């Protein structure tokens, strides 16, 4: 097993098993994590074997992450509990806040416990964007329009995540819900003044998050760069909001990241701006270019923040999880949302 600190890149793989090229890239000192997708999942046995092999490659282990929010963004479905869209919890909150908070806590617990049982360390959740209505990419991924409801529901989800052995990642800082365009496909611009964005920012001010993912959105009031590439926004997060966890870029292969040029420029600008971990996925040739040619001065403090996200102890196995009363109760709570 290779011993080396985690680097600032999070990359992906194409299939269900590691290739020799995958192993070489995951062993590279610039790599610190891997993000998994639906294409990497065949069944729980296969996924458990894959995560075990990835964790065995290095010490400390690579951070294994996934976008597993619930609703339409749930990468592993067959064999996993179908998790509700966050807007479902928001609607319940309007009618019955205690029931909604219990359901949000149960959702976080089941989400984390099931992923930990198959060796996944971290999910990029909760979505903290406010539901303004017309967004093409957020929609029912958001809990609610009102920041107080988002804070309450996301806080309950965090409690469930922690109980299941997982940290949290608020996204997409400082707020993606107001703009209409999908940053996967184009570059959104938010023209509001900073004062008008305080509702969007409030969840980041109030919640004790382990990670934050920055948005591929330009906020004209503050900077001409997207938040991912903006030292001003990341300094605001660190200094004004007192955030001490890991700052992730959103996927640097997205169209919204094209503002600064080719991939090597994207990772360099995002790292210089203050992002701790840079996600580059669905672009294997670009990953090869970055690993070959990018020569950053790696910050040891950022490395330590990434290391803190890797769970020291393994989750319980799937069969043991099924027998846990807390898990069984949480599943019943989630099932009742569809009743």
C-alpha atoms as a PDB file:
ATOM      1  CA  UNK A   1       0.000   0.000   0.000  1.00  0.00           C
ATOM      2  CA  UNK A   2       1.340   3.399  -0.987  1.00  0.00           C
ATOM      3  CA  UNK A   3       1.649   6.018   1.777  1.00  0.00           C
ATOM      4  CA  UNK A   4       1.190   9.610   0.677  1.00  0.00           C
ATOM      5  CA  UNK A   5      -1.062  12.530   1.604  1.00  0.00           C
ATOM      6  CA  UNK A   6      -4.163  13.224  -0.496  1.00  0.00           C
ATOM      7  CA  UNK A   7      -3.766  15.581  -3.400  1.00  0.00           C
ATOM      8  CA  UNK A   8      -6.251  18.256  -4.510  1.00  0.00           C
ATOM      9  CA  UNK A   9      -7.832  16.402  -7.459  1.00  0.00           C
ATOM     10  CA  UNK A  10     -10.950  14.252  -7.406  1.00  0.00           C
ATOM     11  CA  UNK A  11     -11.274  12.173 -10.583  1.00  0.00           C
ATOM     12  CA  UNK A  12     -13.524   9.409 -11.915  1.00  0.00           C
ATOM     13  CA  UNK A  13     -13.332   6.048 -13.667  1.00  0.00           C
ATOM     14  CA  UNK A  14     -15.291   4.586 -16.564  1.00  0.00           C
ATOM     15  CA  UNK A  15     -16.462   1.164 -15.411  1.00  0.00           C
ATOM     16  CA  UNK A  16     -17.327  -1.331 -12.688  1.00  0.00           C
ATOM     17  CA  UNK A  17     -13.727  -2.328 -11.976  1.00  0.00           C
ATOM     18  CA  UNK A  18     -10.394  -0.524 -11.929  1.00  0.00           C
ATOM     19  CA  UNK A  19      -8.195  -0.720 -14.995  1.00  0.00           C
ATOM     20  CA  UNK A  20      -4.425  -0.518 -14.742  1.00  0.00           C
ATOM     21  CA  UNK A  21      -4.615   3.099 -15.960  1.00  0.00           C
ATOM     22  CA  UNK A  22      -7.176   3.844 -13.216  1.00  0.00           C
ATOM     23  CA  UNK A  23      -4.803   2.433 -10.590  1.00  0.00           C
ATOM     24  CA  UNK A  24      -1.916   4.507 -11.908  1.00  0.00           C
ATOM     25  CA  UNK A  25      -3.978   7.693 -11.891  1.00  0.00           C
ATOM     26  CA  UNK A  26      -5.460   7.074  -8.440  1.00  0.00           C
ATOM     27  CA  UNK A  27      -1.939   6.547  -7.097  1.00  0.00           C
ATOM     28  CA  UNK A  28      -0.762   9.904  -8.477  1.00  0.00           C
ATOM     29  CA  UNK A  29       0.231  12.378  -5.724  1.00  0.00           C
ATOM     30  CA  UNK A  30      -2.078  15.062  -7.143  1.00  0.00           C
ATOM     31  CA  UNK A  31      -5.132  12.829  -6.633  1.00  0.00           C
ATOM     32  CA  UNK A  32      -6.966  12.764  -3.317  1.00  0.00           C
ATOM     33  CA  UNK A  33     -10.358  11.348  -4.160  1.00  0.00           C
ATOM     34  CA  UNK A  34     -12.678   9.677  -6.617  1.00  0.00           C
ATOM     35  CA  UNK A  35     -16.285  10.445  -7.515  1.00  0.00           C
ATOM     36  CA  UNK A  36     -18.516   7.538  -8.517  1.00  0.00           C
ATOM     37  CA  UNK A  37     -21.461   7.561 -10.935  1.00  0.00           C
ATOM     38  CA  UNK A  38     -24.300   5.246 -11.931  1.00  0.00           C
ATOM     39  CA  UNK A  39     -22.029   3.751 -14.595  1.00  0.00           C
ATOM     40  CA  UNK A  40     -19.763   2.477 -11.811  1.00  0.00           C
ATOM     41  CA  UNK A  41     -22.567   0.506 -10.166  1.00  0.00           C
ATOM     42  CA  UNK A  42     -23.781  -2.960 -11.107  1.00  0.00           C
ATOM     43  CA  UNK A  43     -24.849  -4.275  -7.705  1.00  0.00           C
ATOM     44  CA  UNK A  44     -23.900  -3.861  -4.051  1.00  0.00           C
ATOM     45  CA  UNK A  45     -21.393  -6.728  -4.073  1.00  0.00           C
ATOM     46  CA  UNK A  46     -19.540  -5.241  -7.032  1.00  0.00           C
ATOM     47  CA  UNK A  47     -19.581  -1.732  -5.509  1.00  0.00           C
ATOM     48  CA  UNK A  48     -18.295  -3.006  -2.169  1.00  0.00           C
ATOM     49  CA  UNK A  49     -15.408  -4.772  -3.906  1.00  0.00           C
ATOM     50  CA  UNK A  50     -14.624  -1.650  -5.950  1.00  0.00           C
ATOM     51  CA  UNK A  51     -14.517   0.678  -2.943  1.00  0.00           C
ATOM     52  CA  UNK A  52     -12.396  -1.804  -0.985  1.00  0.00           C
ATOM     53  CA  UNK A  53      -9.847  -1.925  -3.807  1.00  0.00           C
ATOM     54  CA  UNK A  54      -9.778   1.870  -4.062  1.00  0.00           C
ATOM     55  CA  UNK A  55      -9.282   2.292  -0.321  1.00  0.00           C
ATOM     56  CA  UNK A  56      -6.466  -0.284  -0.379  1.00  0.00           C
ATOM     57  CA  UNK A  57      -4.458   1.648  -2.958  1.00  0.00           C
ATOM     58  CA  UNK A  58      -3.103   4.268  -0.570  1.00  0.00           C
ATOM     59  CA  UNK A  59      -2.689   5.309   3.041  1.00  0.00           C
ATOM     60  CA  UNK A  60      -4.452   7.444   4.117  1.00  0.00           C
ATOM     61  CA  UNK A  61      -7.228   6.126   1.856  1.00  0.00           C
ATOM     62  CA  UNK A  62      -8.608   8.135  -1.024  1.00  0.00           C
ATOM     63  CA  UNK A  63     -11.905   9.896  -0.354  1.00  0.00           C
ATOM     64  CA  UNK A  64     -14.696   8.063  -2.218  1.00  0.00           C
ATOM     65  CA  UNK A  65     -17.609  10.388  -2.970  1.00  0.00           C
ATOM     66  CA  UNK A  66     -20.867  10.365  -4.911  1.00  0.00           C
ATOM     67  CA  UNK A  67     -23.802  12.652  -5.744  1.00  0.00           C
ATOM     68  CA  UNK A  68     -26.493  10.772  -3.837  1.00  0.00           C
ATOM     69  CA  UNK A  69     -29.012  13.397  -2.754  1.00  0.00           C
ATOM     70  CA  UNK A  70     -32.335  11.641  -3.264  1.00  0.00           C
ATOM     71  CA  UNK A  71     -35.038  12.261  -5.840  1.00  0.00           C
ATOM     72  CA  UNK A  72     -33.678  12.509  -9.367  1.00  0.00           C
ATOM     73  CA  UNK A  73     -30.063  12.735  -8.162  1.00  0.00           C
ATOM     74  CA  UNK A  74     -29.417   9.308  -6.659  1.00  0.00           C
ATOM     75  CA  UNK A  75     -26.590   7.445  -8.382  1.00  0.00           C
ATOM     76  CA  UNK A  76     -27.255   3.994  -6.900  1.00  0.00           C
ATOM     77  CA  UNK A  77     -30.889   2.879  -7.073  1.00  0.00           C
ATOM     78  CA  UNK A  78     -31.420  -0.863  -7.531  1.00  0.00           C
ATOM     79  CA  UNK A  79     -30.781  -2.465  -4.144  1.00  0.00           C
ATOM     80  CA  UNK A  80     -30.771   0.863  -2.274  1.00  0.00           C
ATOM     81  CA  UNK A  81     -33.615   2.675  -0.536  1.00  0.00           C
ATOM     82  CA  UNK A  82     -35.280   5.142  -2.900  1.00  0.00           C
ATOM     83  CA  UNK A  83     -34.749   8.493  -1.204  1.00  0.00           C
ATOM     84  CA  UNK A  84     -37.216  11.383  -1.532  1.00  0.00           C
ATOM     85  CA  UNK A  85     -36.548  14.607  -3.387  1.00  0.00           C
ATOM     86  CA  UNK A  86     -35.770  17.354  -0.888  1.00  0.00           C
ATOM     87  CA  UNK A  87     -38.796  19.358  -2.068  1.00  0.00           C
ATOM     88  CA  UNK A  88     -40.981  16.532  -0.715  1.00  0.00           C
ATOM     89  CA  UNK A  89     -39.599  17.257   2.738  1.00  0.00           C
ATOM     90  CA  UNK A  90     -40.153  20.976   2.195  1.00  0.00           C
ATOM     91  CA  UNK A  91     -43.825  20.486   1.366  1.00  0.00           C
ATOM     92  CA  UNK A  92     -44.266  18.341   4.440  1.00  0.00           C
ATOM     93  CA  UNK A  93     -42.575  21.060   6.507  1.00  0.00           C
ATOM     94  CA  UNK A  94     -45.274  23.535   5.499  1.00  0.00           C
ATOM     95  CA  UNK A  95     -47.956  21.220   6.927  1.00  0.00           C
ATOM     96  CA  UNK A  96     -46.158  19.452   9.760  1.00  0.00           C
ATOM     97  CA  UNK A  97     -42.687  20.738  10.706  1.00  0.00           C
ATOM     98  CA  UNK A  98     -41.916  18.053  13.336  1.00  0.00           C
ATOM     99  CA  UNK A  99     -42.803  15.254  10.902  1.00  0.00           C
ATOM    100  CA  UNK A 100     -40.707  16.879   8.172  1.00  0.00           C
ATOM    101  CA  UNK A 101     -37.682  17.192  10.436  1.00  0.00           C
ATOM    102  CA  UNK A 102     -38.027  13.548  11.495  1.00  0.00           C
ATOM    103  CA  UNK A 103     -38.280  12.495   7.836  1.00  0.00           C
ATOM    104  CA  UNK A 104     -35.258  14.599   6.903  1.00  0.00           C
ATOM    105  CA  UNK A 105     -33.240  13.073   9.734  1.00  0.00           C
ATOM    106  CA  UNK A 106     -34.325   9.575   8.663  1.00  0.00           C
ATOM    107  CA  UNK A 107     -33.386  10.332   5.042  1.00  0.00           C
ATOM    108  CA  UNK A 108     -29.917  11.472   6.039  1.00  0.00           C
ATOM    109  CA  UNK A 109     -29.385   8.423   8.214  1.00  0.00           C
ATOM    110  CA  UNK A 110     -30.463   5.892   5.574  1.00  0.00           C
ATOM    111  CA  UNK A 111     -28.492   7.719   2.871  1.00  0.00           C
ATOM    112  CA  UNK A 112     -25.284   7.676   4.911  1.00  0.00           C
ATOM    113  CA  UNK A 113     -25.652   4.233   6.485  1.00  0.00           C
ATOM    114  CA  UNK A 114     -26.298   2.505   3.163  1.00  0.00           C
ATOM    115  CA  UNK A 115     -23.388   4.233   1.426  1.00  0.00           C
ATOM    116  CA  UNK A 116     -21.040   3.524   4.314  1.00  0.00           C
ATOM    117  CA  UNK A 117     -22.101  -0.149   4.239  1.00  0.00           C
ATOM    118  CA  UNK A 118     -20.727  -0.426   0.684  1.00  0.00           C
ATOM    119  CA  UNK A 119     -17.568   1.590   1.365  1.00  0.00           C
ATOM    120  CA  UNK A 120     -18.511   5.056   0.100  1.00  0.00           C
ATOM    121  CA  UNK A 121     -17.202   7.820   2.374  1.00  0.00           C
ATOM    122  CA  UNK A 122     -19.109  10.925   1.368  1.00  0.00           C
ATOM    123  CA  UNK A 123     -22.121  12.238  -0.505  1.00  0.00           C
ATOM    124  CA  UNK A 124     -22.357  15.757  -1.901  1.00  0.00           C
ATOM    125  CA  UNK A 125     -25.458  16.718   0.058  1.00  0.00           C
ATOM    126  CA  UNK A 126     -27.431  18.688   1.255  1.00  0.00           C
ATOM    127  CA  UNK A 127     -28.495  21.083  -1.492  1.00  0.00           C
ATOM    128  CA  UNK A 128     -28.880  24.487   0.198  1.00  0.00           C
ATOM    129  CA  UNK A 129     -30.076  26.407  -2.866  1.00  0.00           C
ATOM    130  CA  UNK A 130     -33.385  28.176  -2.390  1.00  0.00           C
ATOM    131  CA  UNK A 131     -36.310  27.153  -4.573  1.00  0.00           C
ATOM    132  CA  UNK A 132     -37.094  30.314  -6.544  1.00  0.00           C
ATOM    133  CA  UNK A 133     -38.979  28.244  -9.131  1.00  0.00           C
ATOM    134  CA  UNK A 134     -37.573  28.657 -12.651  1.00  0.00           C
ATOM    135  CA  UNK A 135     -34.122  27.027 -12.262  1.00  0.00           C
ATOM    136  CA  UNK A 136     -33.490  24.345 -14.896  1.00  0.00           C
ATOM    137  CA  UNK A 137     -31.110  22.356 -12.718  1.00  0.00           C
ATOM    138  CA  UNK A 138     -32.168  22.828  -9.077  1.00  0.00           C
ATOM    139  CA  UNK A 139     -35.962  22.479  -8.977  1.00  0.00           C
ATOM    140  CA  UNK A 140     -37.095  19.776  -6.556  1.00  0.00           C
ATOM    141  CA  UNK A 141     -33.518  19.213  -5.395  1.00  0.00           C
ATOM    142  CA  UNK A 142     -34.070  22.251  -3.133  1.00  0.00           C
ATOM    143  CA  UNK A 143     -35.837  21.928   0.204  1.00  0.00           C
ATOM    144  CA  UNK A 144     -37.745  25.196   0.188  1.00  0.00           C
ATOM    145  CA  UNK A 145     -37.864  28.867  -0.788  1.00  0.00           C
ATOM    146  CA  UNK A 146     -37.470  30.139   2.774  1.00  0.00           C
ATOM    147  CA  UNK A 147     -33.975  30.041   4.300  1.00  0.00           C
ATOM    148  CA  UNK A 148     -35.309  29.205   7.789  1.00  0.00           C
ATOM    149  CA  UNK A 149     -36.982  26.068   6.419  1.00  0.00           C
ATOM    150  CA  UNK A 150     -33.854  25.104   4.476  1.00  0.00           C
ATOM    151  CA  UNK A 151     -31.708  25.547   7.587  1.00  0.00           C
ATOM    152  CA  UNK A 152     -34.056  23.442   9.722  1.00  0.00           C
ATOM    153  CA  UNK A 153     -34.446  20.626   7.186  1.00  0.00           C
ATOM    154  CA  UNK A 154     -30.789  20.551   6.121  1.00  0.00           C
ATOM    155  CA  UNK A 155     -29.750  20.592   9.789  1.00  0.00           C
ATOM    156  CA  UNK A 156     -31.946  17.565  10.452  1.00  0.00           C
ATOM    157  CA  UNK A 157     -30.515  15.827   7.379  1.00  0.00           C
ATOM    158  CA  UNK A 158     -27.019  16.565   8.709  1.00  0.00           C
ATOM    159  CA  UNK A 159     -27.928  14.970  12.022  1.00  0.00           C
ATOM    160  CA  UNK A 160     -28.987  11.849  10.151  1.00  0.00           C
ATOM    161  CA  UNK A 161     -25.831  11.839   8.039  1.00  0.00           C
ATOM    162  CA  UNK A 162     -23.664  12.041  11.147  1.00  0.00           C
ATOM    163  CA  UNK A 163     -25.614   9.240  12.821  1.00  0.00           C
ATOM    164  CA  UNK A 164     -24.949   7.147   9.709  1.00  0.00           C
ATOM    165  CA  UNK A 165     -21.219   7.918   9.832  1.00  0.00           C
ATOM    166  CA  UNK A 166     -20.922  10.619   7.156  1.00  0.00           C
ATOM    167  CA  UNK A 167     -20.130  14.309   6.894  1.00  0.00           C
ATOM    168  CA  UNK A 168     -22.105  16.930   4.990  1.00  0.00           C
ATOM    169  CA  UNK A 169     -21.464  19.092   1.936  1.00  0.00           C
ATOM    170  CA  UNK A 170     -23.597  22.184   1.370  1.00  0.00           C
ATOM    171  CA  UNK A 171     -24.057  23.208  -2.240  1.00  0.00           C
ATOM    172  CA  UNK A 172     -23.964  25.249  -4.433  1.00  0.00           C
ATOM    173  CA  UNK A 173     -22.291  28.229  -2.701  1.00  0.00           C
ATOM    174  CA  UNK A 174     -23.312  31.035  -2.567  1.00  0.00           C
ATOM    175  CA  UNK A 175     -26.603  29.979  -4.197  1.00  0.00           C
ATOM    176  CA  UNK A 176     -27.672  28.484  -7.542  1.00  0.00           C
ATOM    177  CA  UNK A 177     -31.433  28.592  -7.132  1.00  0.00           C
ATOM    178  CA  UNK A 178     -32.142  32.081  -8.483  1.00  0.00           C
ATOM    179  CA  UNK A 179     -30.580  31.727 -11.943  1.00  0.00           C
ATOM    180  CA  UNK A 180     -32.457  29.875 -14.675  1.00  0.00           C
ATOM    181  CA  UNK A 181     -29.651  28.335 -16.830  1.00  0.00           C
ATOM    182  CA  UNK A 182     -28.114  24.936 -16.057  1.00  0.00           C
ATOM    183  CA  UNK A 183     -24.388  25.430 -15.415  1.00  0.00           C
ATOM    184  CA  UNK A 184     -23.730  21.942 -16.818  1.00  0.00           C
ATOM    185  CA  UNK A 185     -24.653  23.393 -20.214  1.00  0.00           C
ATOM    186  CA  UNK A 186     -24.079  27.163 -20.043  1.00  0.00           C
ATOM    187  CA  UNK A 187     -22.739  29.937 -17.820  1.00  0.00           C
ATOM    188  CA  UNK A 188     -25.385  31.452 -15.530  1.00  0.00           C
ATOM    189  CA  UNK A 189     -25.079  35.062 -14.363  1.00  0.00           C
ATOM    190  CA  UNK A 190     -26.811  36.325 -11.225  1.00  0.00           C
ATOM    191  CA  UNK A 191     -27.249  40.097 -11.412  1.00  0.00           C
ATOM    192  CA  UNK A 192     -28.635  40.684  -7.912  1.00  0.00           C
ATOM    193  CA  UNK A 193     -26.840  42.950  -5.427  1.00  0.00           C
ATOM    194  CA  UNK A 194     -25.130  41.225  -2.520  1.00  0.00           C
ATOM    195  CA  UNK A 195     -27.819  42.461  -0.109  1.00  0.00           C
ATOM    196  CA  UNK A 196     -30.448  40.578  -2.130  1.00  0.00           C
ATOM    197  CA  UNK A 197     -28.432  37.351  -1.822  1.00  0.00           C
ATOM    198  CA  UNK A 198     -28.417  37.190   1.964  1.00  0.00           C
ATOM    199  CA  UNK A 199     -31.278  34.687   2.074  1.00  0.00           C
ATOM    200  CA  UNK A 200     -29.230  32.378  -0.185  1.00  0.00           C
ATOM    201  CA  UNK A 201     -26.132  32.792   1.972  1.00  0.00           C
ATOM    202  CA  UNK A 202     -27.862  32.378   5.350  1.00  0.00           C
ATOM    203  CA  UNK A 203     -27.780  28.536   5.386  1.00  0.00           C
ATOM    204  CA  UNK A 204     -23.989  28.672   5.004  1.00  0.00           C
ATOM    205  CA  UNK A 205     -23.843  31.109   7.885  1.00  0.00           C
ATOM    206  CA  UNK A 206     -25.971  28.977  10.213  1.00  0.00           C
ATOM    207  CA  UNK A 207     -25.069  25.353   9.476  1.00  0.00           C
ATOM    208  CA  UNK A 208     -21.910  23.600  10.703  1.00  0.00           C
ATOM    209  CA  UNK A 209     -20.913  22.029   7.388  1.00  0.00           C
ATOM    210  CA  UNK A 210     -17.986  19.675   6.771  1.00  0.00           C
ATOM    211  CA  UNK A 211     -17.712  20.666   3.119  1.00  0.00           C
ATOM    212  CA  UNK A 212     -19.036  23.298   0.727  1.00  0.00           C
ATOM    213  CA  UNK A 213     -19.263  23.024  -3.050  1.00  0.00           C
ATOM    214  CA  UNK A 214     -18.876  26.292  -4.948  1.00  0.00           C
ATOM    215  CA  UNK A 215     -21.112  27.145  -7.894  1.00  0.00           C
ATOM    216  CA  UNK A 216     -20.327  27.717 -11.559  1.00  0.00           C
ATOM    217  CA  UNK A 217     -22.275  30.981 -11.481  1.00  0.00           C
ATOM    218  CA  UNK A 218     -21.068  34.550 -11.934  1.00  0.00           C
ATOM    219  CA  UNK A 219     -22.412  36.973  -9.336  1.00  0.00           C
ATOM    220  CA  UNK A 220     -21.928  40.391 -10.884  1.00  0.00           C
ATOM    221  CA  UNK A 221     -22.280  42.162  -7.554  1.00  0.00           C
ATOM    222  CA  UNK A 222     -19.091  40.604  -6.261  1.00  0.00           C
ATOM    223  CA  UNK A 223     -16.748  39.264  -8.939  1.00  0.00           C
ATOM    224  CA  UNK A 224     -16.444  38.726 -12.690  1.00  0.00           C
ATOM    225  CA  UNK A 225     -15.449  35.077 -12.100  1.00  0.00           C
ATOM    226  CA  UNK A 226     -17.717  32.217 -11.087  1.00  0.00           C
ATOM    227  CA  UNK A 227     -17.619  31.343  -7.387  1.00  0.00           C
ATOM    228  CA  UNK A 228     -15.390  28.326  -8.131  1.00  0.00           C
ATOM    229  CA  UNK A 229     -12.721  30.622  -9.569  1.00  0.00           C
ATOM    230  CA  UNK A 230     -13.265  33.561  -7.206  1.00  0.00           C
ATOM    231  CA  UNK A 231     -10.829  34.223  -4.375  1.00  0.00           C
ATOM    232  CA  UNK A 232     -13.244  36.948  -3.251  1.00  0.00           C
ATOM    233  CA  UNK A 233     -16.094  34.474  -2.752  1.00  0.00           C
ATOM    234  CA  UNK A 234     -13.942  31.829  -1.093  1.00  0.00           C
ATOM    235  CA  UNK A 235     -12.389  34.442   1.207  1.00  0.00           C
ATOM    236  CA  UNK A 236     -15.924  35.577   2.049  1.00  0.00           C
ATOM    237  CA  UNK A 237     -16.792  31.978   2.930  1.00  0.00           C
ATOM    238  CA  UNK A 238     -13.679  31.602   5.090  1.00  0.00           C
ATOM    239  CA  UNK A 239     -13.567  35.036   6.721  1.00  0.00           C
ATOM    240  CA  UNK A 240     -17.126  36.358   6.821  1.00  0.00           C
ATOM    241  CA  UNK A 241     -18.908  33.001   7.314  1.00  0.00           C
ATOM    242  CA  UNK A 242     -16.075  31.398   9.337  1.00  0.00           C
ATOM    243  CA  UNK A 243     -16.143  28.155   7.339  1.00  0.00           C
ATOM    244  CA  UNK A 244     -13.292  25.792   8.248  1.00  0.00           C
ATOM    245  CA  UNK A 245     -14.086  22.682   6.202  1.00  0.00           C
ATOM    246  CA  UNK A 246     -13.243  21.541   2.666  1.00  0.00           C
ATOM    247  CA  UNK A 247     -14.151  23.757  -0.289  1.00  0.00           C
ATOM    248  CA  UNK A 248     -14.933  21.670  -3.376  1.00  0.00           C
ATOM    249  CA  UNK A 249     -15.188  22.960  -6.900  1.00  0.00           C
ATOM    250  CA  UNK A 250     -18.188  21.786  -8.832  1.00  0.00           C
ATOM    251  CA  UNK A 251     -17.195  19.576 -11.787  1.00  0.00           C
ATOM    252  CA  UNK A 252     -14.613  21.502 -13.800  1.00  0.00           C
ATOM    253  CA  UNK A 253     -15.729  19.756 -16.995  1.00  0.00           C
ATOM    254  CA  UNK A 254     -19.068  21.577 -16.912  1.00  0.00           C
ATOM    255  CA  UNK A 255     -19.766  24.271 -19.490  1.00  0.00           C
ATOM    256  CA  UNK A 256     -19.993  26.882 -16.737  1.00  0.00           C
ATOM    257  CA  UNK A 257     -16.300  26.274 -15.974  1.00  0.00           C
ATOM    258  CA  UNK A 258     -15.179  27.120 -19.513  1.00  0.00           C
ATOM    259  CA  UNK A 259     -14.782  30.794 -18.665  1.00  0.00           C
ATOM    260  CA  UNK A 260     -11.091  30.375 -17.775  1.00  0.00           C
ATOM    261  CA  UNK A 261      -9.934  28.126 -20.640  1.00  0.00           C
ATOM    262  CA  UNK A 262      -8.577  24.573 -20.866  1.00  0.00           C
ATOM    263  CA  UNK A 263      -8.662  22.121 -17.984  1.00  0.00           C
ATOM    264  CA  UNK A 264      -5.178  22.829 -16.698  1.00  0.00           C
ATOM    265  CA  UNK A 265      -6.094  26.518 -16.415  1.00  0.00           C
ATOM    266  CA  UNK A 266      -9.354  25.602 -14.689  1.00  0.00           C
ATOM    267  CA  UNK A 267      -7.718  23.501 -11.967  1.00  0.00           C
ATOM    268  CA  UNK A 268      -4.961  26.043 -11.459  1.00  0.00           C
ATOM    269  CA  UNK A 269      -7.272  29.056 -11.154  1.00  0.00           C
ATOM    270  CA  UNK A 270      -9.689  27.192  -8.857  1.00  0.00           C
ATOM    271  CA  UNK A 271      -6.853  26.037  -6.607  1.00  0.00           C
ATOM    272  CA  UNK A 272      -5.309  29.496  -6.449  1.00  0.00           C
ATOM    273  CA  UNK A 273      -8.731  30.928  -5.641  1.00  0.00           C
ATOM    274  CA  UNK A 274      -8.937  28.683  -2.590  1.00  0.00           C
ATOM    275  CA  UNK A 275     -10.765  25.499  -3.587  1.00  0.00           C
ATOM    276  CA  UNK A 276      -9.273  22.598  -1.630  1.00  0.00           C
ATOM    277  CA  UNK A 277     -10.470  19.791  -3.873  1.00  0.00           C
ATOM    278  CA  UNK A 278     -10.967  20.102  -7.629  1.00  0.00           C
ATOM    279  CA  UNK A 279     -13.429  17.743  -9.301  1.00  0.00           C
ATOM    280  CA  UNK A 280     -12.569  16.695 -12.859  1.00  0.00           C
ATOM    281  CA  UNK A 281     -14.859  14.017 -14.253  1.00  0.00           C
ATOM    282  CA  UNK A 282     -16.277  12.760 -17.556  1.00  0.00           C
ATOM    283  CA  UNK A 283     -13.129  14.022 -19.254  1.00  0.00           C
ATOM    284  CA  UNK A 284     -10.403  11.314 -19.088  1.00  0.00           C
ATOM    285  CA  UNK A 285      -8.079  12.952 -21.616  1.00  0.00           C
ATOM    286  CA  UNK A 286      -8.164  16.197 -19.633  1.00  0.00           C
ATOM    287  CA  UNK A 287      -7.353  14.280 -16.441  1.00  0.00           C
ATOM    288  CA  UNK A 288      -4.293  12.827 -18.163  1.00  0.00           C
ATOM    289  CA  UNK A 289      -3.161  16.308 -19.248  1.00  0.00           C
ATOM    290  CA  UNK A 290      -3.560  17.716 -15.737  1.00  0.00           C
ATOM    291  CA  UNK A 291      -1.703  14.850 -14.073  1.00  0.00           C
ATOM    292  CA  UNK A 292       1.137  15.211 -16.572  1.00  0.00           C
ATOM    293  CA  UNK A 293       1.519  18.992 -16.649  1.00  0.00           C
ATOM    294  CA  UNK A 294       0.032  20.685 -13.580  1.00  0.00           C
ATOM    295  CA  UNK A 295       2.697  21.557 -10.982  1.00  0.00           C
ATOM    296  CA  UNK A 296       0.922  23.268  -8.070  1.00  0.00           C
ATOM    297  CA  UNK A 297       2.435  24.232  -4.755  1.00  0.00           C
ATOM    298  CA  UNK A 298       0.274  21.955  -2.590  1.00  0.00           C
ATOM    299  CA  UNK A 299      -0.916  23.514   0.662  1.00  0.00           C
ATOM    300  CA  UNK A 300      -0.535  21.123   3.630  1.00  0.00           C
ATOM    301  CA  UNK A 301      -3.410  22.771   5.527  1.00  0.00           C
ATOM    302  CA  UNK A 302      -5.771  21.974   2.665  1.00  0.00           C
ATOM    303  CA  UNK A 303      -4.441  18.406   2.608  1.00  0.00           C
ATOM    304  CA  UNK A 304      -5.308  18.004   6.288  1.00  0.00           C
ATOM    305  CA  UNK A 305      -8.856  19.242   5.675  1.00  0.00           C
ATOM    306  CA  UNK A 306      -9.336  16.595   2.966  1.00  0.00           C
ATOM    307  CA  UNK A 307      -7.910  13.852   5.190  1.00  0.00           C
ATOM    308  CA  UNK A 308     -10.453  14.744   7.890  1.00  0.00           C
ATOM    309  CA  UNK A 309     -13.334  13.782   5.575  1.00  0.00           C
ATOM    310  CA  UNK A 310     -12.154  10.184   5.122  1.00  0.00           C
ATOM    311  CA  UNK A 311     -13.975   8.069   7.697  1.00  0.00           C
ATOM    312  CA  UNK A 312     -11.488   6.305   9.948  1.00  0.00           C
ATOM    313  CA  UNK A 313     -13.667   3.284  10.723  1.00  0.00           C
ATOM    314  CA  UNK A 314     -15.553   1.098   8.263  1.00  0.00           C
ATOM    315  CA  UNK A 315     -19.339   1.142   8.179  1.00  0.00           C
ATOM    316  CA  UNK A 316     -21.202  -1.960   9.290  1.00  0.00           C
ATOM    317  CA  UNK A 317     -21.886  -4.523   6.597  1.00  0.00           C
ATOM    318  CA  UNK A 318     -25.177  -4.477   4.693  1.00  0.00           C
ATOM    319  CA  UNK A 319     -26.709  -7.503   6.417  1.00  0.00           C
ATOM    320  CA  UNK A 320     -25.975  -6.120   9.888  1.00  0.00           C
ATOM    321  CA  UNK A 321     -27.432  -2.756   8.877  1.00  0.00           C
ATOM    322  CA  UNK A 322     -30.722  -4.377   7.883  1.00  0.00           C
ATOM    323  CA  UNK A 323     -31.173  -5.670  11.429  1.00  0.00           C
ATOM    324  CA  UNK A 324     -30.604  -2.350  13.174  1.00  0.00           C
ATOM    325  CA  UNK A 325     -33.811  -0.974  14.768  1.00  0.00           C
ATOM    326  CA  UNK A 326     -32.810   2.641  13.997  1.00  0.00           C
ATOM    327  CA  UNK A 327     -32.355   1.798  10.319  1.00  0.00           C
ATOM    328  CA  UNK A 328     -35.629  -0.100  10.145  1.00  0.00           C
ATOM    329  CA  UNK A 329     -37.471   2.802  11.759  1.00  0.00           C
ATOM    330  CA  UNK A 330     -35.882   5.311   9.396  1.00  0.00           C
ATOM    331  CA  UNK A 331     -36.891   3.235   6.377  1.00  0.00           C
ATOM    332  CA  UNK A 332     -40.481   3.167   7.598  1.00  0.00           C
ATOM    333  CA  UNK A 333     -40.450   6.943   7.980  1.00  0.00           C
ATOM    334  CA  UNK A 334     -39.208   7.351   4.407  1.00  0.00           C
ATOM    335  CA  UNK A 335     -41.750   4.849   3.049  1.00  0.00           C
ATOM    336  CA  UNK A 336     -44.555   6.791   4.735  1.00  0.00           C
ATOM    337  CA  UNK A 337     -43.737   9.843   2.594  1.00  0.00           C
ATOM    338  CA  UNK A 338     -45.229   8.025  -0.418  1.00  0.00           C
ATOM    339  CA  UNK A 339     -48.272   6.782   1.467  1.00  0.00           C
END
